[in-house]
């Protein structure tokens, strides 16, 4: 994966959930106001889950298919960027950042 452009990054950071939605896409908590399993409007850069095994790199929850310490290509190249952007998004929206 290439590094996201400044425009792509800002577009992701400007994302807001639907007014009625209290679902926290980063932690998987809260109620969805729609019937979708995942937010259909969520920018890809704000999705910290592996597209194969759905391990959440932000919360570090789930079972990684590539080992206790995930080492797949997604874990090496995309996850660190996405976790950084999710952390920044949470700070900008007044939510606690779970990554220390």
N, C-alpha and C. Protein backbone atom coordinates (compact mmCIF):
# COMPACT_ATOMS: atom_id res chain seq x y z
N UNK A 1 0.85 -1.18 0.00
CA UNK A 1 0.00 0.00 0.00
C UNK A 1 0.89 1.24 0.00
N UNK A 2 0.48 2.19 -0.74
CA UNK A 2 1.19 3.46 -0.75
C UNK A 2 0.72 4.32 0.41
N UNK A 3 1.52 5.26 0.76
CA UNK A 3 1.16 6.21 1.82
C UNK A 3 -0.03 7.04 1.34
N UNK A 4 -1.06 7.22 2.18
CA UNK A 4 -2.21 8.01 1.73
C UNK A 4 -1.82 9.47 1.49
N UNK A 5 -2.47 10.09 0.53
CA UNK A 5 -2.21 11.50 0.26
C UNK A 5 -2.80 12.34 1.40
N UNK A 6 -2.37 13.57 1.47
CA UNK A 6 -2.90 14.49 2.50
C UNK A 6 -4.41 14.64 2.33
N UNK A 7 -4.87 14.67 1.10
CA UNK A 7 -6.31 14.82 0.83
C UNK A 7 -7.09 13.58 1.32
N UNK A 8 -6.57 12.39 1.04
CA UNK A 8 -7.23 11.16 1.49
C UNK A 8 -7.27 11.10 3.01
N UNK A 9 -6.17 11.49 3.63
CA UNK A 9 -6.09 11.50 5.09
C UNK A 9 -7.09 12.48 5.69
N UNK A 10 -7.15 13.69 5.16
CA UNK A 10 -8.08 14.70 5.68
C UNK A 10 -9.54 14.29 5.45
N UNK A 11 -9.81 13.66 4.32
CA UNK A 11 -11.17 13.18 4.06
C UNK A 11 -11.58 12.15 5.11
N UNK A 12 -10.68 11.24 5.45
CA UNK A 12 -10.96 10.24 6.48
C UNK A 12 -11.15 10.90 7.84
N UNK A 13 -10.30 11.87 8.15
CA UNK A 13 -10.38 12.54 9.45
C UNK A 13 -11.63 13.40 9.59
N UNK A 14 -12.21 13.81 8.47
CA UNK A 14 -13.43 14.63 8.49
C UNK A 14 -14.70 13.78 8.59
N UNK A 15 -14.57 12.46 8.51
CA UNK A 15 -15.72 11.57 8.56
C UNK A 15 -16.52 11.76 9.85
N UNK A 16 -17.84 11.80 9.72
CA UNK A 16 -18.72 11.80 10.88
C UNK A 16 -19.76 10.71 10.70
N UNK A 17 -20.10 10.07 11.79
CA UNK A 17 -21.11 9.02 11.76
C UNK A 17 -22.48 9.65 11.52
N UNK A 18 -23.42 8.83 11.11
CA UNK A 18 -24.80 9.30 10.95
C UNK A 18 -25.30 9.83 12.29
N UNK A 19 -26.19 10.78 12.24
CA UNK A 19 -26.68 11.45 13.43
C UNK A 19 -27.22 10.50 14.50
N UNK A 20 -27.97 9.48 14.09
CA UNK A 20 -28.60 8.57 15.04
C UNK A 20 -27.66 7.45 15.50
N UNK A 21 -26.51 7.32 14.89
CA UNK A 21 -25.62 6.20 15.14
C UNK A 21 -24.72 6.45 16.33
N UNK A 22 -24.69 5.51 17.27
CA UNK A 22 -23.77 5.60 18.41
C UNK A 22 -22.71 4.50 18.33
N UNK A 23 -22.64 3.83 17.19
CA UNK A 23 -21.68 2.74 17.02
C UNK A 23 -20.26 3.30 16.89
N UNK A 24 -19.36 2.75 17.67
CA UNK A 24 -17.96 3.15 17.63
C UNK A 24 -17.23 2.13 16.75
N UNK A 25 -16.94 2.50 15.52
CA UNK A 25 -16.35 1.56 14.57
C UNK A 25 -14.97 1.09 15.00
N UNK A 26 -14.27 1.85 15.82
CA UNK A 26 -12.93 1.47 16.24
C UNK A 26 -12.96 0.41 17.34
N UNK A 27 -13.96 0.46 18.21
CA UNK A 27 -14.02 -0.49 19.32
C UNK A 27 -15.11 -1.54 19.15
N UNK A 28 -16.03 -1.32 18.22
CA UNK A 28 -17.12 -2.28 18.02
C UNK A 28 -18.23 -2.16 19.06
N UNK A 29 -18.27 -1.06 19.78
CA UNK A 29 -19.28 -0.85 20.82
C UNK A 29 -20.33 0.14 20.35
N UNK A 30 -21.50 0.06 20.97
CA UNK A 30 -22.58 1.00 20.65
C UNK A 30 -23.61 0.38 19.73
N UNK A 31 -24.64 1.15 19.46
CA UNK A 31 -25.76 0.70 18.63
C UNK A 31 -25.68 1.30 17.24
N UNK A 32 -25.90 0.46 16.25
CA UNK A 32 -25.98 0.94 14.87
C UNK A 32 -27.42 1.37 14.60
N UNK A 33 -27.58 2.47 13.93
CA UNK A 33 -28.93 2.93 13.61
C UNK A 33 -29.40 2.32 12.29
N UNK A 34 -28.52 1.60 11.61
CA UNK A 34 -28.88 0.97 10.34
C UNK A 34 -28.79 -0.54 10.49
N UNK A 35 -29.11 -1.25 9.45
CA UNK A 35 -29.08 -2.71 9.52
C UNK A 35 -27.82 -3.29 8.91
N UNK A 36 -26.82 -2.46 8.66
CA UNK A 36 -25.58 -2.93 8.06
C UNK A 36 -24.67 -3.53 9.13
N UNK A 37 -23.87 -4.51 8.76
CA UNK A 37 -22.91 -5.11 9.68
C UNK A 37 -21.75 -4.17 9.95
N UNK A 38 -21.42 -3.35 8.97
CA UNK A 38 -20.36 -2.36 9.11
C UNK A 38 -20.86 -1.09 8.42
N UNK A 39 -20.33 0.04 8.84
CA UNK A 39 -20.78 1.30 8.27
C UNK A 39 -20.44 1.36 6.78
N UNK A 40 -21.45 1.55 5.93
CA UNK A 40 -21.18 1.62 4.49
C UNK A 40 -20.50 2.93 4.07
N UNK A 41 -20.45 3.91 4.96
CA UNK A 41 -19.86 5.21 4.64
C UNK A 41 -18.45 5.38 5.20
N UNK A 42 -18.01 4.43 6.01
CA UNK A 42 -16.71 4.54 6.67
C UNK A 42 -15.58 4.52 5.65
N UNK A 43 -14.72 5.55 5.66
CA UNK A 43 -13.58 5.55 4.75
C UNK A 43 -12.65 4.37 5.06
N UNK A 44 -12.09 3.79 4.05
CA UNK A 44 -11.20 2.63 4.21
C UNK A 44 -10.06 2.90 5.20
N UNK A 45 -9.55 4.11 5.20
CA UNK A 45 -8.44 4.44 6.10
C UNK A 45 -8.82 4.40 7.57
N UNK A 46 -10.12 4.43 7.87
CA UNK A 46 -10.57 4.37 9.26
C UNK A 46 -10.97 2.95 9.68
N UNK A 47 -10.72 1.98 8.84
CA UNK A 47 -11.04 0.60 9.18
C UNK A 47 -9.74 -0.12 9.55
N UNK A 48 -9.51 -0.33 10.86
CA UNK A 48 -8.24 -0.92 11.30
C UNK A 48 -8.25 -2.45 11.30
N UNK A 49 -9.27 -3.07 10.71
CA UNK A 49 -9.38 -4.53 10.73
C UNK A 49 -8.75 -5.16 9.49
N UNK A 50 -8.12 -6.30 9.70
CA UNK A 50 -7.55 -7.07 8.60
C UNK A 50 -8.68 -7.51 7.68
N UNK A 51 -8.55 -7.32 6.37
CA UNK A 51 -9.63 -7.71 5.47
C UNK A 51 -9.78 -9.23 5.33
N UNK A 52 -8.81 -9.99 5.81
CA UNK A 52 -8.88 -11.45 5.70
C UNK A 52 -9.45 -12.09 6.96
N UNK A 53 -8.83 -11.80 8.11
CA UNK A 53 -9.25 -12.47 9.35
C UNK A 53 -10.03 -11.55 10.28
N UNK A 54 -10.14 -10.29 9.95
CA UNK A 54 -10.88 -9.28 10.72
C UNK A 54 -10.26 -8.98 12.09
N UNK A 55 -8.99 -9.31 12.27
CA UNK A 55 -8.28 -8.92 13.49
C UNK A 55 -8.26 -7.40 13.55
N UNK A 56 -8.61 -6.84 14.70
CA UNK A 56 -8.67 -5.38 14.87
C UNK A 56 -7.33 -4.89 15.40
N UNK A 57 -6.58 -4.19 14.57
CA UNK A 57 -5.26 -3.71 14.96
C UNK A 57 -5.34 -2.52 15.90
N UNK A 58 -6.48 -1.85 15.97
CA UNK A 58 -6.61 -0.72 16.89
C UNK A 58 -6.82 -1.23 18.31
N UNK A 59 -7.79 -2.13 18.49
CA UNK A 59 -8.08 -2.65 19.83
C UNK A 59 -7.26 -3.89 20.17
N UNK A 60 -6.63 -4.47 19.13
CA UNK A 60 -5.87 -5.71 19.27
C UNK A 60 -6.74 -6.85 19.74
N UNK A 61 -7.94 -6.89 19.20
CA UNK A 61 -8.89 -7.94 19.55
C UNK A 61 -9.16 -8.80 18.32
N UNK A 62 -9.41 -10.06 18.58
CA UNK A 62 -9.71 -11.01 17.52
C UNK A 62 -8.59 -12.04 17.43
N UNK A 63 -8.75 -12.94 16.51
CA UNK A 63 -7.75 -13.98 16.30
C UNK A 63 -7.09 -13.78 14.96
N UNK A 64 -5.84 -13.42 15.01
CA UNK A 64 -5.09 -13.20 13.79
C UNK A 64 -4.76 -14.54 13.15
N UNK A 65 -5.00 -14.65 11.86
CA UNK A 65 -4.69 -15.88 11.15
C UNK A 65 -3.20 -16.05 10.91
N UNK A 66 -2.42 -15.00 11.07
CA UNK A 66 -0.99 -15.10 10.75
C UNK A 66 -0.11 -15.11 11.99
N UNK A 67 -0.67 -15.41 13.14
CA UNK A 67 0.13 -15.57 14.34
C UNK A 67 -0.26 -14.65 15.48
N UNK A 68 0.24 -14.98 16.66
CA UNK A 68 -0.07 -14.19 17.86
C UNK A 68 0.39 -12.74 17.68
N UNK A 69 1.54 -12.57 17.04
CA UNK A 69 1.99 -11.24 16.66
C UNK A 69 1.78 -11.15 15.15
N UNK A 70 0.69 -10.54 14.71
CA UNK A 70 0.38 -10.53 13.27
C UNK A 70 1.56 -10.08 12.42
N UNK A 71 1.82 -10.80 11.35
CA UNK A 71 2.97 -10.49 10.52
C UNK A 71 2.66 -10.51 9.02
N UNK A 72 1.39 -10.52 8.68
CA UNK A 72 1.02 -10.52 7.27
C UNK A 72 1.35 -9.16 6.63
N UNK A 73 1.17 -9.07 5.34
CA UNK A 73 1.47 -7.83 4.63
C UNK A 73 0.61 -6.67 5.15
N UNK A 74 -0.66 -6.94 5.42
CA UNK A 74 -1.54 -5.90 5.96
C UNK A 74 -0.99 -5.41 7.30
N UNK A 75 -0.54 -6.34 8.16
CA UNK A 75 -0.01 -5.97 9.48
C UNK A 75 1.23 -5.10 9.35
N UNK A 76 2.05 -5.37 8.37
CA UNK A 76 3.30 -4.63 8.21
C UNK A 76 3.11 -3.29 7.51
N UNK A 77 2.25 -3.25 6.50
CA UNK A 77 2.18 -2.05 5.66
C UNK A 77 0.98 -1.15 5.90
N UNK A 78 -0.18 -1.72 6.07
CA UNK A 78 -1.39 -0.89 6.16
C UNK A 78 -1.86 -0.62 7.58
N UNK A 79 -1.79 -1.62 8.44
CA UNK A 79 -2.32 -1.47 9.80
C UNK A 79 -1.70 -0.30 10.56
N UNK A 80 -0.38 -0.12 10.53
CA UNK A 80 0.17 1.02 11.30
C UNK A 80 -0.37 2.38 10.84
N UNK A 81 -0.55 2.54 9.54
CA UNK A 81 -1.08 3.80 9.01
C UNK A 81 -2.53 3.98 9.46
N UNK A 82 -3.31 2.92 9.35
CA UNK A 82 -4.73 3.01 9.73
C UNK A 82 -4.90 3.25 11.23
N UNK A 83 -4.11 2.59 12.06
CA UNK A 83 -4.20 2.79 13.50
C UNK A 83 -3.86 4.25 13.84
N UNK A 84 -2.85 4.78 13.20
CA UNK A 84 -2.47 6.18 13.41
C UNK A 84 -3.62 7.12 13.04
N UNK A 85 -4.28 6.87 11.92
CA UNK A 85 -5.37 7.73 11.47
C UNK A 85 -6.59 7.58 12.38
N UNK A 86 -6.90 6.35 12.81
CA UNK A 86 -8.02 6.15 13.73
C UNK A 86 -7.74 6.88 15.04
N UNK A 87 -6.52 6.80 15.53
CA UNK A 87 -6.16 7.51 16.77
C UNK A 87 -6.36 9.01 16.63
N UNK A 88 -5.89 9.55 15.52
CA UNK A 88 -6.04 10.98 15.29
C UNK A 88 -7.52 11.35 15.14
N UNK A 89 -8.28 10.53 14.44
CA UNK A 89 -9.72 10.78 14.27
C UNK A 89 -10.41 10.83 15.63
N UNK A 90 -10.10 9.87 16.50
CA UNK A 90 -10.72 9.82 17.83
C UNK A 90 -10.36 11.07 18.64
N UNK A 91 -9.10 11.48 18.60
CA UNK A 91 -8.70 12.69 19.34
C UNK A 91 -9.44 13.91 18.82
N UNK A 92 -9.54 14.05 17.51
CA UNK A 92 -10.23 15.20 16.92
C UNK A 92 -11.71 15.23 17.27
N UNK A 93 -12.29 14.06 17.51
CA UNK A 93 -13.72 13.99 17.81
C UNK A 93 -13.99 13.86 19.31
N UNK A 94 -12.98 14.13 20.12
CA UNK A 94 -13.16 14.14 21.57
C UNK A 94 -13.35 12.77 22.19
N UNK A 95 -12.91 11.73 21.52
CA UNK A 95 -13.01 10.38 22.05
C UNK A 95 -11.66 9.95 22.60
N UNK A 96 -11.66 9.11 23.62
CA UNK A 96 -10.37 8.67 24.16
C UNK A 96 -9.61 7.80 23.17
N UNK A 97 -8.32 8.03 23.08
CA UNK A 97 -7.48 7.23 22.20
C UNK A 97 -7.04 6.01 23.00
N UNK A 98 -7.27 4.83 22.45
CA UNK A 98 -6.95 3.59 23.16
C UNK A 98 -5.52 3.15 22.95
N UNK A 99 -4.83 3.77 22.01
CA UNK A 99 -3.45 3.39 21.70
C UNK A 99 -2.51 4.26 22.52
N UNK A 100 -1.65 3.60 23.26
CA UNK A 100 -0.71 4.37 24.10
C UNK A 100 0.57 4.66 23.35
